[in-house]
Amino acid sequence: MKNIHNPCEKIIIALDGMGKNDVFNLLNEIPEVIWVKVGLELFVSEGPDILSILRDKGKKIFLDLKFHDIPTTVAKACFAASQTGAEFISLHSCAGMKALKMAKEAAHEGSAKVNLMPPKLLGITILTSWTQESFVGDLLIDQPIDQRVKHFAEIASNSGLGGCVCSPREVKFLRKIYPETFELVTPGIRSLGSDTNDQSRVSDASEALKMGASKLVIGRAITQSNNPAYMFKSFCNRILI
């Protein structure tokens, strides 16, 4: 792991389960926050205006809507999303290379239309909620999750995407394959010994970065704590250890 000069840059606060006022209160309480993740819950409840508000507050945005549809629909969604100013946009790698390549081209066209830098598109590999048992039992996929993650990361890379989203469990072997410029964004970050909630493949923040994660998505461990500012600083301090 390289020396980290600003640990705040490594943490993306997931604003899941929050309304607009909750978001404002949180950001006022923790002004050091640089990155936020806007997922389906917040985007659907507050609409795209929340992205403009966050940008006006100087925040960098990971727009985590996980687009997954036919290639034309995915491309058009990325064309529109790229005009919001989000730095990261997620889409499922299993949409296929045609969809991913079209999405990247559309994102460049969309951002250029409004004179913005193009966002980095991140390919979702396997959600952190999946276990090997549920992978086989629910999807009838008799393949180790790490092998499927490796395949989806390869699809994302070969399609020209800027990185992928994976659990901390897969970061180490992916970083051996891909350079630092290929973002490996990891949700499923927990304090050691804490409740994993509905995520299965999790890790401690410091360990995930040591294994090669680019950025850490942390939500409930901070946003639902009794003292979010303290917890945010605690994670930042842990990263520096």
Protein backbone atom coordinates (compact mmCIF):
# COMPACT_ATOMS: atom_id res chain seq x y z
CA MET A 1 0.00 0.00 0.00
CA LYS A 2 1.37 3.41 -0.96
CA ASN A 3 1.68 6.20 1.61
CA ILE A 4 -1.71 7.84 2.07
CA HIS A 5 -1.48 11.60 2.49
CA ASN A 6 -5.21 12.22 2.83
CA PRO A 7 -7.23 9.26 4.12
CA CYS A 8 -10.47 11.20 3.58
CA GLU A 9 -9.90 10.77 -0.15
CA LYS A 10 -10.02 6.99 0.26
CA ILE A 11 -13.46 6.79 1.88
CA ILE A 12 -16.72 7.02 -0.03
CA ILE A 13 -19.65 7.58 2.34
CA ALA A 14 -22.68 5.56 1.24
CA LEU A 15 -25.80 7.69 1.72
CA ASP A 16 -28.12 4.68 1.62
CA GLY A 17 -31.28 4.84 3.72
CA MET A 18 -31.06 8.61 4.11
CA GLY A 19 -33.30 11.47 3.05
CA LYS A 20 -32.10 14.85 1.83
CA ASN A 21 -32.18 16.45 5.28
CA ASP A 22 -30.30 13.50 6.77
CA VAL A 23 -27.63 13.92 4.11
CA PHE A 24 -27.27 17.64 4.81
CA ASN A 25 -26.99 17.05 8.55
CA LEU A 26 -24.37 14.36 8.04
CA LEU A 27 -22.24 16.49 5.73
CA ASN A 28 -22.49 19.46 8.07
CA GLU A 29 -21.33 17.20 10.89
CA ILE A 30 -18.45 15.77 8.85
CA PRO A 31 -17.23 18.56 6.52
CA GLU A 32 -14.06 16.55 5.81
CA VAL A 33 -16.02 14.10 3.66
CA ILE A 34 -14.84 14.27 0.04
CA TRP A 35 -16.65 11.36 -1.63
CA VAL A 36 -20.28 10.28 -1.35
CA LYS A 37 -22.17 7.40 -2.91
CA VAL A 38 -25.68 8.02 -4.20
CA GLY A 39 -27.42 4.70 -4.68
CA LEU A 40 -30.90 3.62 -5.70
CA GLU A 41 -32.59 4.51 -2.42
CA LEU A 42 -31.54 8.16 -2.32
CA PHE A 43 -31.75 8.69 -6.07
CA VAL A 44 -35.29 7.30 -6.30
CA SER A 45 -36.55 9.19 -3.25
CA GLU A 46 -34.93 12.57 -3.98
CA GLY A 47 -34.39 12.51 -7.74
CA PRO A 48 -31.40 13.74 -9.74
CA ASP A 49 -31.50 17.16 -8.07
CA ILE A 50 -29.67 15.65 -5.12
CA LEU A 51 -26.63 15.25 -7.36
CA SER A 52 -26.56 18.95 -8.22
CA ILE A 53 -26.87 19.83 -4.53
CA LEU A 54 -23.98 17.55 -3.61
CA ARG A 55 -21.83 18.96 -6.37
CA ASP A 56 -22.60 22.49 -5.16
CA LYS A 57 -21.33 21.39 -1.75
CA GLY A 58 -18.06 20.38 -3.41
CA LYS A 59 -18.52 16.64 -3.03
CA LYS A 60 -17.28 14.01 -5.45
CA ILE A 61 -20.01 11.57 -6.42
CA PHE A 62 -20.14 7.85 -7.00
CA LEU A 63 -23.48 7.37 -8.77
CA ASP A 64 -24.17 3.76 -7.91
CA LEU A 65 -27.29 2.85 -9.91
CA LYS A 66 -25.85 -0.41 -11.24
CA PHE A 67 -27.25 -0.14 -14.76
CA HIS A 68 -28.07 -3.54 -16.27
CA ASP A 69 -30.16 -3.79 -19.43
CA ILE A 70 -29.82 -4.22 -23.16
CA PRO A 71 -26.84 -2.34 -24.66
CA THR A 72 -28.80 0.59 -26.10
CA THR A 73 -30.64 1.24 -22.85
CA VAL A 74 -27.46 1.02 -20.77
CA ALA A 75 -25.68 3.41 -23.15
CA LYS A 76 -28.50 5.96 -23.05
CA ALA A 77 -28.60 5.77 -19.26
CA CYS A 78 -24.85 6.43 -19.09
CA PHE A 79 -25.19 9.27 -21.59
CA ALA A 80 -27.66 10.99 -19.26
CA ALA A 81 -25.83 10.07 -16.04
CA SER A 82 -22.54 11.44 -17.36
CA GLN A 83 -24.11 14.91 -17.53
CA THR A 84 -24.69 14.99 -13.76
CA GLY A 85 -21.03 15.54 -12.94
CA ALA A 86 -20.62 12.22 -11.14
CA GLU A 87 -17.01 11.05 -11.09
CA PHE A 88 -17.91 7.33 -10.88
CA ILE A 89 -20.90 5.54 -12.43
CA SER A 90 -21.61 1.85 -11.90
CA LEU A 91 -23.06 -0.72 -14.28
CA HIS A 92 -23.17 -4.50 -14.18
CA SER A 93 -20.34 -6.22 -16.02
CA CYS A 94 -22.74 -9.06 -16.80
CA ALA A 95 -24.54 -6.71 -19.19
CA GLY A 96 -21.76 -7.81 -21.57
CA MET A 97 -18.91 -6.21 -23.50
CA LYS A 98 -21.14 -4.68 -26.15
CA ALA A 99 -23.17 -2.82 -23.52
CA LEU A 100 -20.06 -1.74 -21.61
CA LYS A 101 -18.26 -0.44 -24.69
CA MET A 102 -21.36 1.44 -25.83
CA ALA A 103 -21.78 2.83 -22.32
CA LYS A 104 -18.23 4.18 -22.23
CA GLU A 105 -18.64 5.88 -25.60
CA ALA A 106 -21.98 7.33 -24.55
CA ALA A 107 -20.56 8.60 -21.26
CA HIS A 108 -17.81 10.46 -23.11
CA GLU A 109 -20.35 11.97 -25.49
CA GLY A 110 -22.71 12.96 -22.70
CA SER A 111 -20.09 14.63 -20.52
CA ALA A 112 -18.60 16.46 -23.52
CA LYS A 113 -22.05 17.84 -24.33
CA VAL A 114 -22.04 19.77 -21.04
CA ASN A 115 -18.28 20.43 -20.93
CA LEU A 116 -17.51 18.03 -18.09
CA MET A 117 -14.72 15.54 -17.62
CA PRO A 118 -15.93 12.04 -18.53
CA PRO A 119 -16.75 9.87 -15.52
CA LYS A 120 -15.04 6.59 -14.77
CA LEU A 121 -17.40 3.70 -15.38
CA LEU A 122 -17.10 0.88 -12.85
CA GLY A 123 -18.18 -2.65 -13.64
CA ILE A 124 -20.05 -4.42 -10.86
CA THR A 125 -18.63 -7.92 -10.42
CA ILE A 126 -20.46 -9.96 -7.75
CA LEU A 127 -22.44 -8.17 -5.05
CA THR A 128 -21.03 -8.49 -1.54
CA SER A 129 -24.28 -10.06 -0.31
CA TRP A 130 -23.65 -13.27 -2.28
CA THR A 131 -22.13 -16.29 -0.57
CA GLN A 132 -20.86 -19.39 -2.33
CA GLU A 133 -23.86 -21.31 -1.01
CA SER A 134 -26.44 -18.83 -2.30
CA PHE A 135 -24.53 -18.52 -5.58
CA VAL A 136 -25.08 -22.22 -6.18
CA GLY A 137 -28.49 -22.58 -4.56
CA ASP A 138 -30.19 -19.50 -6.06
CA LEU A 139 -28.43 -19.13 -9.40
CA LEU A 140 -27.30 -22.70 -10.06
CA ILE A 141 -23.82 -21.37 -10.81
CA ASP A 142 -21.35 -24.02 -9.72
CA GLN A 143 -18.26 -21.84 -9.96
CA PRO A 144 -16.18 -20.24 -7.20
CA ILE A 145 -17.17 -16.62 -6.69
CA ASP A 146 -13.59 -15.41 -7.03
CA GLN A 147 -13.34 -16.97 -10.49
CA ARG A 148 -16.55 -15.27 -11.59
CA VAL A 149 -15.32 -11.97 -10.14
CA LYS A 150 -12.06 -12.34 -12.08
CA HIS A 151 -14.01 -12.95 -15.28
CA PHE A 152 -16.27 -9.92 -14.78
CA ALA A 153 -13.27 -7.72 -13.97
CA GLU A 154 -11.66 -8.88 -17.22
CA ILE A 155 -14.82 -7.97 -19.13
CA ALA A 156 -14.78 -4.51 -17.54
CA SER A 157 -11.10 -3.99 -18.34
CA ASN A 158 -11.37 -5.27 -21.92
CA SER A 159 -14.34 -2.97 -22.47
CA GLY A 160 -12.25 0.05 -21.51
CA LEU A 161 -13.95 0.76 -18.19
CA GLY A 162 -12.09 2.63 -15.49
CA GLY A 163 -12.35 -0.07 -12.88
CA CYS A 164 -14.68 -2.42 -11.10
CA VAL A 165 -16.53 -2.91 -7.84
CA CYS A 166 -15.62 -6.02 -5.87
CA SER A 167 -15.63 -7.25 -2.30
CA PRO A 168 -12.46 -6.91 -0.19
CA ARG A 169 -12.02 -10.68 -0.52
CA GLU A 170 -11.15 -10.37 -4.23
CA VAL A 171 -9.04 -7.21 -4.15
CA LYS A 172 -5.67 -8.85 -3.55
CA PHE A 173 -5.63 -11.11 -6.61
CA LEU A 174 -7.23 -8.47 -8.84
CA ARG A 175 -4.59 -5.90 -7.92
CA LYS A 176 -1.90 -8.35 -8.98
CA ILE A 177 -3.52 -8.32 -12.44
CA TYR A 178 -4.48 -4.66 -12.86
CA PRO A 179 -2.47 -1.45 -12.38
CA GLU A 180 -3.31 1.30 -9.88
CA THR A 181 -5.07 3.25 -12.64
CA PHE A 182 -7.76 0.54 -12.73
CA GLU A 183 -10.01 1.44 -9.80
CA LEU A 184 -10.90 -1.34 -7.39
CA VAL A 185 -13.74 0.07 -5.31
CA THR A 186 -14.74 -2.07 -2.36
CA PRO A 187 -17.95 -2.02 -0.36
CA GLY A 188 -18.34 -4.45 2.53
CA ILE A 189 -16.02 -2.50 4.84
CA ARG A 190 -16.64 -3.15 8.52
CA SER A 191 -14.89 -2.55 11.82
CA LEU A 192 -13.41 -5.77 13.13
CA GLY A 193 -16.02 -7.65 15.13
CA SER A 194 -18.94 -5.50 13.97
CA ASP A 195 -22.24 -6.68 12.51
CA THR A 196 -21.97 -7.52 8.80
CA ASN A 197 -25.71 -6.85 8.21
CA ASP A 198 -26.71 -8.15 4.76
CA GLN A 199 -23.15 -8.29 3.40
CA SER A 200 -21.15 -11.50 3.48
CA ARG A 201 -17.73 -10.92 1.94
CA VAL A 202 -16.37 -8.16 4.16
CA SER A 203 -13.07 -6.85 5.53
CA ASP A 204 -11.49 -4.22 7.75
CA ALA A 205 -10.64 -0.87 6.09
CA SER A 206 -6.89 -0.99 6.62
CA GLU A 207 -6.66 -4.57 5.40
CA ALA A 208 -8.64 -3.79 2.22
CA LEU A 209 -6.29 -0.94 1.31
CA LYS A 210 -3.22 -3.03 2.01
CA MET A 211 -4.58 -5.63 -0.41
CA GLY A 212 -4.90 -3.01 -3.15
CA ALA A 213 -8.30 -1.34 -2.89
CA SER A 214 -8.50 2.10 -4.50
CA LYS A 215 -11.40 3.38 -2.45
CA LEU A 216 -13.60 2.04 0.34
CA VAL A 217 -17.38 2.38 0.39
CA ILE A 218 -18.54 2.73 4.00
CA GLY A 219 -22.14 3.36 4.93
CA ARG A 220 -23.99 2.16 8.01
CA ALA A 221 -20.85 1.78 10.12
CA ILE A 222 -20.61 5.59 9.96
CA THR A 223 -24.05 6.94 9.06
CA GLN A 224 -25.98 4.85 11.60
CA SER A 225 -23.51 5.23 14.45
CA ASN A 226 -24.23 7.39 17.50
CA ASN A 227 -21.33 9.63 16.54
CA PRO A 228 -20.77 9.65 12.75
CA ALA A 229 -17.97 12.25 12.91
CA TYR A 230 -16.05 10.16 15.41
CA MET A 231 -16.52 7.00 13.36
CA PHE A 232 -15.40 8.72 10.15
CA LYS A 233 -12.24 9.97 11.83
CA SER A 234 -11.71 6.53 13.36
CA PHE A 235 -11.77 4.93 9.91
CA CYS A 236 -9.39 7.60 8.61
CA ASN A 237 -6.98 6.95 11.48
CA ARG A 238 -7.20 3.20 10.91
CA ILE A 239 -6.24 3.67 7.28
CA LEU A 240 -3.04 5.44 8.33
CA ILE A 241 -1.94 2.59 10.62
